[in-house]
Protein backbone atom coordinates (compact mmCIF):
# COMPACT_ATOMS: atom_id res chain seq x y z
CA MET A 1 2.92 28.30 30.22
CA ARG A 2 3.80 24.69 30.96
CA LYS A 3 4.38 22.46 27.95
CA THR A 4 2.11 19.51 27.34
CA LYS A 5 3.58 16.02 27.23
CA ALA A 6 3.15 15.94 23.46
CA GLU A 7 5.00 19.25 23.08
CA ALA A 8 7.80 18.03 25.33
CA MET A 9 8.15 14.85 23.26
CA LYS A 10 8.22 16.90 20.07
CA THR A 11 11.00 19.09 21.49
CA ARG A 12 12.92 15.98 22.50
CA GLU A 13 12.60 14.58 18.96
CA HIS A 14 13.86 17.88 17.51
CA LEU A 15 16.85 17.76 19.86
CA LEU A 16 17.70 14.18 18.87
CA LEU A 17 17.59 15.02 15.16
CA ALA A 18 19.59 18.20 15.74
CA ALA A 19 22.17 16.19 17.68
CA LEU A 20 22.36 13.67 14.84
CA ASP A 21 23.00 16.40 12.26
CA THR A 22 25.49 18.22 14.48
CA PHE A 23 27.45 15.08 15.35
CA TYR A 24 27.44 14.16 11.65
CA SER A 25 28.75 17.54 10.47
CA ARG A 26 31.07 18.41 13.36
CA GLY A 27 32.11 15.08 14.84
CA VAL A 28 31.09 13.98 18.32
CA ALA A 29 34.03 15.48 20.22
CA ARG A 30 33.81 18.93 18.59
CA ALA A 31 30.02 19.24 18.70
CA SER A 32 28.80 21.36 21.61
CA LEU A 33 25.47 21.26 23.41
CA ASN A 34 25.02 24.93 22.56
CA GLU A 35 25.34 24.14 18.83
CA ILE A 36 22.80 21.33 19.18
CA ALA A 37 20.34 23.57 21.02
CA GLN A 38 20.71 26.27 18.34
CA ALA A 39 20.19 23.71 15.56
CA ALA A 40 17.01 22.52 17.29
CA GLY A 41 15.78 26.09 17.75
CA VAL A 42 15.60 25.86 21.54
CA THR A 43 17.50 27.36 24.44
CA ARG A 44 20.37 25.59 26.16
CA GLY A 45 18.16 25.40 29.25
CA ALA A 46 15.50 23.54 27.26
CA LEU A 47 18.13 21.04 26.16
CA TYR A 48 19.21 20.47 29.76
CA TRP A 49 15.59 19.89 30.74
CA HIS A 50 15.67 16.78 28.52
CA PHE A 51 19.32 15.68 28.72
CA LYS A 52 21.95 15.96 31.45
CA ASN A 53 24.97 16.13 29.15
CA LYS A 54 26.34 15.04 25.78
CA GLU A 55 26.66 11.44 26.94
CA ASP A 56 23.00 11.33 27.98
CA LEU A 57 21.98 12.82 24.63
CA PHE A 58 24.11 10.33 22.70
CA ASP A 59 22.66 7.47 24.74
CA ALA A 60 19.11 8.62 23.92
CA LEU A 61 20.03 8.85 20.24
CA PHE A 62 21.43 5.32 20.38
CA GLN A 63 18.23 4.03 22.00
CA HIS A 64 16.06 5.84 19.46
CA ILE A 65 17.88 4.40 16.43
CA CYS A 66 18.29 0.90 17.88
CA ASN A 67 14.65 0.68 18.98
CA ASP A 68 13.50 1.81 15.55
CA PHE A 69 15.67 -0.80 13.82
CA ASN A 70 14.82 -3.62 16.24
CA THR A 71 11.08 -2.94 16.11
CA LYS A 72 10.97 -2.91 12.31
CA THR A 73 13.19 -5.97 12.02
CA ALA A 74 11.24 -7.98 14.61
CA THR A 75 7.93 -7.14 12.93
CA ASP A 76 9.23 -8.10 9.49
CA ILE A 77 10.76 -11.36 10.75
CA ASN A 78 7.51 -12.33 12.49
CA ASN A 79 5.70 -11.76 9.21
CA ILE A 80 8.24 -13.79 7.26
CA SER A 81 9.06 -16.89 9.26
CA ALA A 82 9.80 -18.39 12.67
CA ASP A 83 12.91 -19.92 11.11
CA ALA A 84 15.92 -18.58 13.06
CA TRP A 85 18.18 -19.03 10.03
CA GLN A 86 16.00 -16.86 7.80
CA GLY A 87 15.58 -14.38 10.64
CA LEU A 88 19.35 -14.02 11.04
CA ARG A 89 19.83 -13.61 7.29
CA TYR A 90 17.10 -10.99 7.10
CA THR A 91 18.44 -9.04 10.08
CA LEU A 92 21.95 -8.78 8.62
CA ILE A 93 20.74 -7.79 5.15
CA ASN A 94 18.22 -5.33 6.62
CA LEU A 95 21.04 -3.66 8.54
CA PHE A 96 22.51 -2.55 5.20
CA GLU A 97 19.16 -1.79 3.58
CA GLN A 98 18.27 0.55 6.44
CA MET A 99 21.67 2.19 6.22
CA GLN A 100 21.14 2.95 2.54
CA SER A 101 17.43 3.80 2.46
CA ASN A 102 17.03 5.63 5.77
CA VAL A 103 19.04 8.86 5.98
CA ILE A 104 18.82 8.92 9.79
CA HIS A 105 20.31 5.43 10.07
CA GLN A 106 22.92 6.28 7.45
CA LYS A 107 24.07 9.37 9.34
CA PHE A 108 24.11 7.52 12.64
CA ILE A 109 26.22 4.64 11.33
CA SER A 110 28.55 7.17 9.71
CA ILE A 111 28.92 8.87 13.11
CA LEU A 112 29.78 5.56 14.77
CA TYR A 113 32.38 4.56 12.20
CA LEU A 114 33.83 7.87 11.05
CA LYS A 115 32.84 10.75 13.35
CA CYS A 116 33.27 9.46 16.90
CA GLU A 117 36.80 10.22 18.03
CA HIS A 118 38.41 7.70 20.37
CA THR A 119 40.00 10.27 22.66
CA GLU A 120 40.23 10.62 26.42
CA GLU A 121 37.75 13.50 26.51
CA ASN A 122 35.31 11.43 24.47
CA GLN A 123 35.76 8.24 26.52
CA ALA A 124 32.29 8.25 28.09
CA ILE A 125 30.66 8.17 24.66
CA VAL A 126 33.14 5.57 23.39
CA ASN A 127 32.15 3.42 26.37
CA LEU A 128 28.50 3.82 25.35
CA MET A 129 29.37 2.63 21.86
CA HIS A 130 31.05 -0.45 23.32
CA ARG A 131 27.96 -1.17 25.45
CA TYR A 132 25.57 -1.07 22.50
CA ASN A 133 28.10 -2.93 20.37
CA GLN A 134 28.06 -5.67 23.01
CA LEU A 135 24.26 -5.74 22.99
CA PHE A 136 23.89 -6.21 19.24
CA TRP A 137 27.05 -7.98 18.09
CA HIS A 138 27.40 -10.17 21.17
CA ASP A 139 24.15 -10.74 23.05
CA GLN A 140 21.64 -10.66 20.19
CA LEU A 141 23.90 -12.31 17.63
CA TYR A 142 24.93 -15.08 20.04
CA ALA A 143 21.25 -15.74 20.80
CA SER A 144 20.40 -15.91 17.07
CA LEU A 145 23.26 -18.31 16.37
CA GLN A 146 22.23 -20.52 19.28
CA GLN A 147 18.66 -20.60 17.95
CA CYS A 148 19.98 -21.70 14.56
CA ILE A 149 21.89 -24.52 16.27
CA ASP A 150 18.83 -25.53 18.29
CA GLN A 151 16.74 -25.67 15.10
CA GLY A 152 19.37 -27.78 13.32
CA LYS A 153 20.30 -25.03 10.85
CA LEU A 154 23.90 -24.82 12.06
CA PRO A 155 26.22 -27.57 13.32
CA ALA A 156 26.02 -28.35 17.02
CA ASN A 157 29.77 -27.93 17.41
CA LEU A 158 29.86 -24.43 15.87
CA ASN A 159 32.17 -22.10 17.76
CA ILE A 160 29.63 -19.34 18.39
CA GLU A 161 32.22 -16.83 19.56
CA ALA A 162 34.32 -17.29 16.40
CA ALA A 163 31.20 -17.22 14.22
CA ALA A 164 30.00 -13.97 15.79
CA ILE A 165 33.40 -12.31 15.34
CA TYR A 166 33.46 -13.48 11.72
CA LEU A 167 30.02 -12.00 10.96
CA LYS A 168 30.82 -8.78 12.80
CA SER A 169 34.10 -8.39 10.89
CA LEU A 170 32.36 -8.90 7.56
CA CYS A 171 29.52 -6.48 8.30
CA SER A 172 31.76 -3.82 9.85
CA GLY A 173 34.13 -3.99 6.89
CA LEU A 174 31.29 -3.72 4.38
CA MET A 175 29.79 -0.77 6.24
CA ARG A 176 33.07 1.10 6.24
CA ILE A 177 33.51 0.44 2.51
CA LEU A 178 30.00 1.69 1.74
CA LEU A 179 30.49 4.80 3.87
CA THR A 180 33.82 5.77 2.31
CA ASP A 181 33.69 4.40 -1.24
CA THR A 182 32.86 7.11 -3.78
CA SER A 183 32.16 4.77 -6.71
CA LYS A 184 28.60 4.12 -5.49
CA LEU A 185 28.65 0.34 -5.55
CA ASP A 186 25.48 -1.43 -6.65
CA THR A 187 24.67 -3.29 -3.46
CA THR A 188 21.33 -4.76 -4.55
CA LEU A 189 22.95 -8.12 -5.24
CA LEU A 190 26.31 -7.58 -3.57
CA ILE A 191 25.13 -7.40 0.05
CA PRO A 192 22.86 -10.49 -0.04
CA ALA A 193 25.65 -12.40 -1.81
CA MET A 194 28.18 -11.43 0.86
CA ILE A 195 25.80 -12.32 3.70
CA ASP A 196 24.82 -15.64 2.10
CA THR A 197 28.47 -16.56 1.54
CA ALA A 198 29.27 -15.80 5.18
CA LEU A 199 26.30 -17.78 6.49
CA GLN A 200 27.19 -20.77 4.31
CA SER A 201 30.68 -20.61 5.79
CA LEU A 202 29.16 -21.04 9.25
CA LYS A 203 27.55 -24.26 8.04
CA HIS A 204 30.52 -25.78 6.28
CA SER A 205 33.81 -24.27 7.50
CA MET A 206 35.62 -26.71 9.81
CA THR A 207 37.76 -23.86 11.17
CA LEU A 208 34.65 -22.41 12.83
CA ARG A 209 33.94 -25.62 14.77
CA HIS A 210 34.84 -26.69 18.29
CA PRO A 211 37.25 -29.62 17.87
CA GLY A 212 36.04 -32.90 19.33
CA LYS A 213 32.43 -31.83 19.88
CA HIS A 214 29.45 -33.62 18.35
CA ASP A 215 28.70 -32.52 14.78
CA THR A 216 25.33 -32.20 13.06
CA ASP A 217 24.81 -32.42 9.31
CA THR A 218 23.21 -29.20 8.06
CA SER A 219 23.97 -29.66 4.39
CA SER A 220 20.31 -30.12 3.50
CA THR A 221 19.02 -27.04 5.38
């Protein structure tokens, strides 16, 4: 009997969650499609009906998590303010809140930072990571920083590339600490304080400016 579209989507969701758990427990390189199919309670053939290979499955998992995060963040920002500065702040803080409150996001970020081996046999998936990394930490972050400049929240001569690398370094370092630190840090105040300190640095640090370009006073914003 042919599956309905709803049943097929449900099977696909089960496979994505099974892949998440298997990658999390086994590591990406060691996890097999057969193990993922067994964890989802389906045949290997059913898995191949939805996904061509491990790379395709990982890509779908990436899209699922990123779409979920982006949709929630965009909705919340629209409800909060059209201010690009507040939107950027909220997005960065929400990245950590989702990691800590949503077990799916937590496992996925742990896979990216701790469970995805950078080996030759795993290169296709590593390349996928770089592509999504480029999308969020380059394309979206650059656009947000440019909006802040356009709205007068950041200096016109801000070096956007340096600013983006700075924010990425801070967030990546904090994520790794939170994933590996066993002391269970109280992040309720820590994360907003770290993000606010970094964002204030973008406003006031002369080392993050393009030399010789026109400056804009943002001290009152």
